[in-house]
Structure formats: structure tokens, C-alpha cells
Amino acid sequence: MLIVAIAWIYVVGLMALTETSVVAGIVTFLFYCVLPLGTLMYIAGTGKRKARRRAAEQAARDAAQKDPAIPQ
């Protein structure tokens, strides 16, 4: 997935470089690269975030069971 993102950044970067003005190049890069890739990476990372959250909650539960002085 990362190699696809890097390739897309390269392609859109070249597209932005061929624009007629600097503003058009920046807008092209933002709307064709930064926003779509940011959204895609956020959606793709949802499962990992959930798994990390579950692992942290389980670790907190395990720690609370070992030491009853720790509030839940």
C-alpha cells in the first residue's frame, strides 16, 4: 500500500510541475494528492487503531487484575 502511495505522490507531483502557474500546481497537488491520500490512509489505518485500542484496554484490565489498587 505504501509503494502505491509513493507512486501516486510522484505522478501527481509531476502533474503539478506541468501546471501553468504555481497556484494551479499547488491546488492540483492538494486536491489530487494530499486530500485523497490522507483520506485513504486514514481509512486503511482504522483496523490498526482499533487493534491498538483493544490491546491497551486489555493491558489496563490485566494490570488492574494484578494490582487491585489501580482504579478501572
N, C-alpha and C. Protein backbone atom coordinates (compact mmCIF):
# COMPACT_ATOMS: atom_id res chain seq x y z
N MET A 1 0.83 -1.19 0.00
CA MET A 1 0.00 0.00 0.00
C MET A 1 0.88 1.25 0.00
N LEU A 2 1.96 1.19 0.73
CA LEU A 2 2.84 2.36 0.81
C LEU A 2 3.49 2.65 -0.54
N ILE A 3 3.88 1.63 -1.26
CA ILE A 3 4.51 1.85 -2.57
C ILE A 3 3.53 2.50 -3.54
N VAL A 4 2.26 2.15 -3.44
CA VAL A 4 1.24 2.77 -4.30
C VAL A 4 1.10 4.24 -3.94
N ALA A 5 1.11 4.56 -2.66
CA ALA A 5 1.01 5.95 -2.22
C ALA A 5 2.21 6.76 -2.71
N ILE A 6 3.38 6.20 -2.60
CA ILE A 6 4.59 6.90 -3.06
C ILE A 6 4.54 7.13 -4.57
N ALA A 7 4.09 6.12 -5.30
CA ALA A 7 3.97 6.27 -6.75
C ALA A 7 2.94 7.35 -7.10
N TRP A 8 1.84 7.38 -6.38
CA TRP A 8 0.81 8.39 -6.64
C TRP A 8 1.34 9.79 -6.34
N ILE A 9 2.10 9.94 -5.27
CA ILE A 9 2.70 11.24 -4.95
C ILE A 9 3.63 11.67 -6.09
N TYR A 10 4.40 10.74 -6.62
CA TYR A 10 5.30 11.04 -7.73
C TYR A 10 4.52 11.49 -8.96
N VAL A 11 3.48 10.76 -9.31
CA VAL A 11 2.69 11.08 -10.51
C VAL A 11 2.03 12.45 -10.35
N VAL A 12 1.41 12.69 -9.22
CA VAL A 12 0.73 13.97 -9.02
C VAL A 12 1.74 15.10 -8.89
N GLY A 13 2.90 14.83 -8.34
CA GLY A 13 3.95 15.85 -8.29
C GLY A 13 4.38 16.28 -9.68
N LEU A 14 4.52 15.31 -10.57
CA LEU A 14 4.86 15.65 -11.95
C LEU A 14 3.72 16.42 -12.63
N MET A 15 2.48 16.03 -12.32
CA MET A 15 1.34 16.78 -12.87
C MET A 15 1.36 18.22 -12.38
N ALA A 16 1.66 18.41 -11.10
CA ALA A 16 1.69 19.75 -10.53
C ALA A 16 2.81 20.59 -11.15
N LEU A 17 3.92 19.94 -11.44
CA LEU A 17 5.03 20.68 -12.05
C LEU A 17 4.72 21.17 -13.45
N THR A 18 3.81 20.51 -14.15
CA THR A 18 3.49 20.91 -15.53
C THR A 18 2.36 21.93 -15.59
N GLU A 19 1.81 22.32 -14.46
CA GLU A 19 0.75 23.33 -14.48
C GLU A 19 1.32 24.67 -14.91
N THR A 20 0.43 25.54 -15.38
CA THR A 20 0.87 26.81 -15.95
C THR A 20 1.25 27.85 -14.90
N SER A 21 0.76 27.71 -13.67
CA SER A 21 1.13 28.66 -12.62
C SER A 21 1.41 27.91 -11.33
N VAL A 22 2.07 28.59 -10.42
CA VAL A 22 2.40 27.99 -9.13
C VAL A 22 1.14 27.68 -8.34
N VAL A 23 0.17 28.59 -8.37
CA VAL A 23 -1.08 28.38 -7.64
C VAL A 23 -1.81 27.15 -8.17
N ALA A 24 -1.87 27.01 -9.49
CA ALA A 24 -2.52 25.85 -10.08
C ALA A 24 -1.80 24.56 -9.71
N GLY A 25 -0.48 24.60 -9.63
CA GLY A 25 0.30 23.44 -9.23
C GLY A 25 0.03 23.05 -7.79
N ILE A 26 -0.06 24.04 -6.92
CA ILE A 26 -0.35 23.77 -5.50
C ILE A 26 -1.75 23.21 -5.34
N VAL A 27 -2.71 23.79 -6.03
CA VAL A 27 -4.09 23.30 -5.95
C VAL A 27 -4.19 21.88 -6.50
N THR A 28 -3.51 21.63 -7.61
CA THR A 28 -3.51 20.28 -8.18
C THR A 28 -2.93 19.28 -7.18
N PHE A 29 -1.82 19.63 -6.56
CA PHE A 29 -1.19 18.72 -5.61
C PHE A 29 -2.09 18.49 -4.39
N LEU A 30 -2.72 19.55 -3.91
CA LEU A 30 -3.59 19.40 -2.74
C LEU A 30 -4.80 18.53 -3.04
N PHE A 31 -5.49 18.83 -4.14
CA PHE A 31 -6.76 18.16 -4.42
C PHE A 31 -6.61 16.79 -5.08
N TYR A 32 -5.47 16.52 -5.71
CA TYR A 32 -5.28 15.21 -6.33
C TYR A 32 -4.39 14.29 -5.48
N CYS A 33 -3.68 14.85 -4.53
CA CYS A 33 -2.73 14.04 -3.78
C CYS A 33 -2.97 14.07 -2.28
N VAL A 34 -2.87 15.23 -1.68
CA VAL A 34 -2.91 15.32 -0.22
C VAL A 34 -4.26 14.89 0.34
N LEU A 35 -5.34 15.43 -0.16
CA LEU A 35 -6.66 15.08 0.38
C LEU A 35 -7.05 13.63 0.12
N PRO A 36 -6.94 13.12 -1.12
CA PRO A 36 -7.31 11.71 -1.33
C PRO A 36 -6.41 10.73 -0.59
N LEU A 37 -5.10 10.98 -0.58
CA LEU A 37 -4.21 10.06 0.11
C LEU A 37 -4.40 10.12 1.62
N GLY A 38 -4.65 11.30 2.14
CA GLY A 38 -4.92 11.42 3.57
C GLY A 38 -6.16 10.65 3.97
N THR A 39 -7.20 10.77 3.17
CA THR A 39 -8.44 10.03 3.43
C THR A 39 -8.20 8.53 3.31
N LEU A 40 -7.51 8.11 2.28
CA LEU A 40 -7.24 6.69 2.06
C LEU A 40 -6.40 6.11 3.19
N MET A 41 -5.37 6.81 3.61
CA MET A 41 -4.51 6.31 4.69
C MET A 41 -5.27 6.26 6.01
N TYR A 42 -6.15 7.22 6.24
CA TYR A 42 -6.96 7.21 7.46
C TYR A 42 -7.88 6.00 7.48
N ILE A 43 -8.55 5.76 6.37
CA ILE A 43 -9.46 4.61 6.29
C ILE A 43 -8.69 3.30 6.39
N ALA A 44 -7.53 3.22 5.75
CA ALA A 44 -6.74 1.99 5.77
C ALA A 44 -6.18 1.71 7.17
N GLY A 45 -5.96 2.72 7.97
CA GLY A 45 -5.39 2.53 9.30
C GLY A 45 -6.42 2.30 10.39
N THR A 46 -7.70 2.28 10.05
CA THR A 46 -8.75 2.14 11.06
C THR A 46 -8.62 0.83 11.82
N GLY A 47 -8.37 -0.26 11.14
CA GLY A 47 -8.24 -1.56 11.81
C GLY A 47 -7.09 -1.59 12.79
N LYS A 48 -5.97 -1.00 12.41
CA LYS A 48 -4.81 -0.97 13.30
C LYS A 48 -5.09 -0.13 14.54
N ARG A 49 -5.79 1.00 14.35
CA ARG A 49 -6.12 1.83 15.50
C ARG A 49 -7.03 1.09 16.47
N LYS A 50 -8.03 0.37 15.93
CA LYS A 50 -8.93 -0.40 16.78
C LYS A 50 -8.17 -1.48 17.53
N ALA A 51 -7.27 -2.17 16.85
CA ALA A 51 -6.50 -3.24 17.49
C ALA A 51 -5.61 -2.68 18.59
N ARG A 52 -4.98 -1.53 18.34
CA ARG A 52 -4.15 -0.90 19.36
C ARG A 52 -4.97 -0.49 20.58
N ARG A 53 -6.17 0.06 20.32
CA ARG A 53 -7.04 0.47 21.41
C ARG A 53 -7.46 -0.74 22.24
N ARG A 54 -7.85 -1.83 21.56
CA ARG A 54 -8.23 -3.05 22.28
C ARG A 54 -7.08 -3.61 23.09
N ALA A 55 -5.87 -3.59 22.54
CA ALA A 55 -4.71 -4.09 23.26
C ALA A 55 -4.41 -3.24 24.49
N ALA A 56 -4.55 -1.93 24.36
CA ALA A 56 -4.32 -1.05 25.50
C ALA A 56 -5.37 -1.28 26.59
N GLU A 57 -6.63 -1.46 26.18
CA GLU A 57 -7.67 -1.73 27.16
C GLU A 57 -7.44 -3.06 27.86
N GLN A 58 -7.02 -4.07 27.11
CA GLN A 58 -6.74 -5.38 27.70
C GLN A 58 -5.56 -5.29 28.66
N ALA A 59 -4.54 -4.54 28.29
CA ALA A 59 -3.38 -4.37 29.18
C ALA A 59 -3.79 -3.66 30.46
N ALA A 60 -4.68 -2.68 30.34
CA ALA A 60 -5.16 -1.98 31.54
C ALA A 60 -5.97 -2.92 32.42
N ARG A 61 -6.81 -3.76 31.81
CA ARG A 61 -7.58 -4.74 32.58
C ARG A 61 -6.66 -5.74 33.28
N ASP A 62 -5.65 -6.20 32.56
CA ASP A 62 -4.69 -7.15 33.14
C ASP A 62 -3.95 -6.52 34.31
N ALA A 63 -3.54 -5.28 34.15
CA ALA A 63 -2.83 -4.58 35.23
C ALA A 63 -3.75 -4.37 36.43
N ALA A 64 -5.02 -4.08 36.18
CA ALA A 64 -5.96 -3.87 37.28
C ALA A 64 -6.22 -5.18 38.02
N GLN A 65 -6.21 -6.30 37.33
CA GLN A 65 -6.42 -7.57 37.99
C GLN A 65 -5.22 -7.95 38.85
N LYS A 66 -4.02 -7.59 38.42
CA LYS A 66 -2.83 -7.90 39.19
C LYS A 66 -2.70 -7.00 40.41
N ASP A 67 -3.09 -5.73 40.27
CA ASP A 67 -2.98 -4.77 41.36
C ASP A 67 -4.34 -4.13 41.58
N PRO A 68 -5.10 -4.57 42.57
CA PRO A 68 -6.46 -4.05 42.78
C PRO A 68 -6.51 -2.59 43.21
N ALA A 69 -5.36 -1.99 43.54
CA ALA A 69 -5.34 -0.58 43.95
C ALA A 69 -5.50 0.36 42.75
N ILE A 70 -5.29 -0.15 41.55
CA ILE A 70 -5.39 0.67 40.33
C ILE A 70 -6.88 0.77 39.97
N PRO A 71 -7.42 2.02 39.87
CA PRO A 71 -8.85 2.18 39.51
C PRO A 71 -9.07 1.82 38.04
N GLN A 72 -10.27 1.32 37.76
CA GLN A 72 -10.60 0.95 36.38
C GLN A 72 -11.28 2.06 35.65
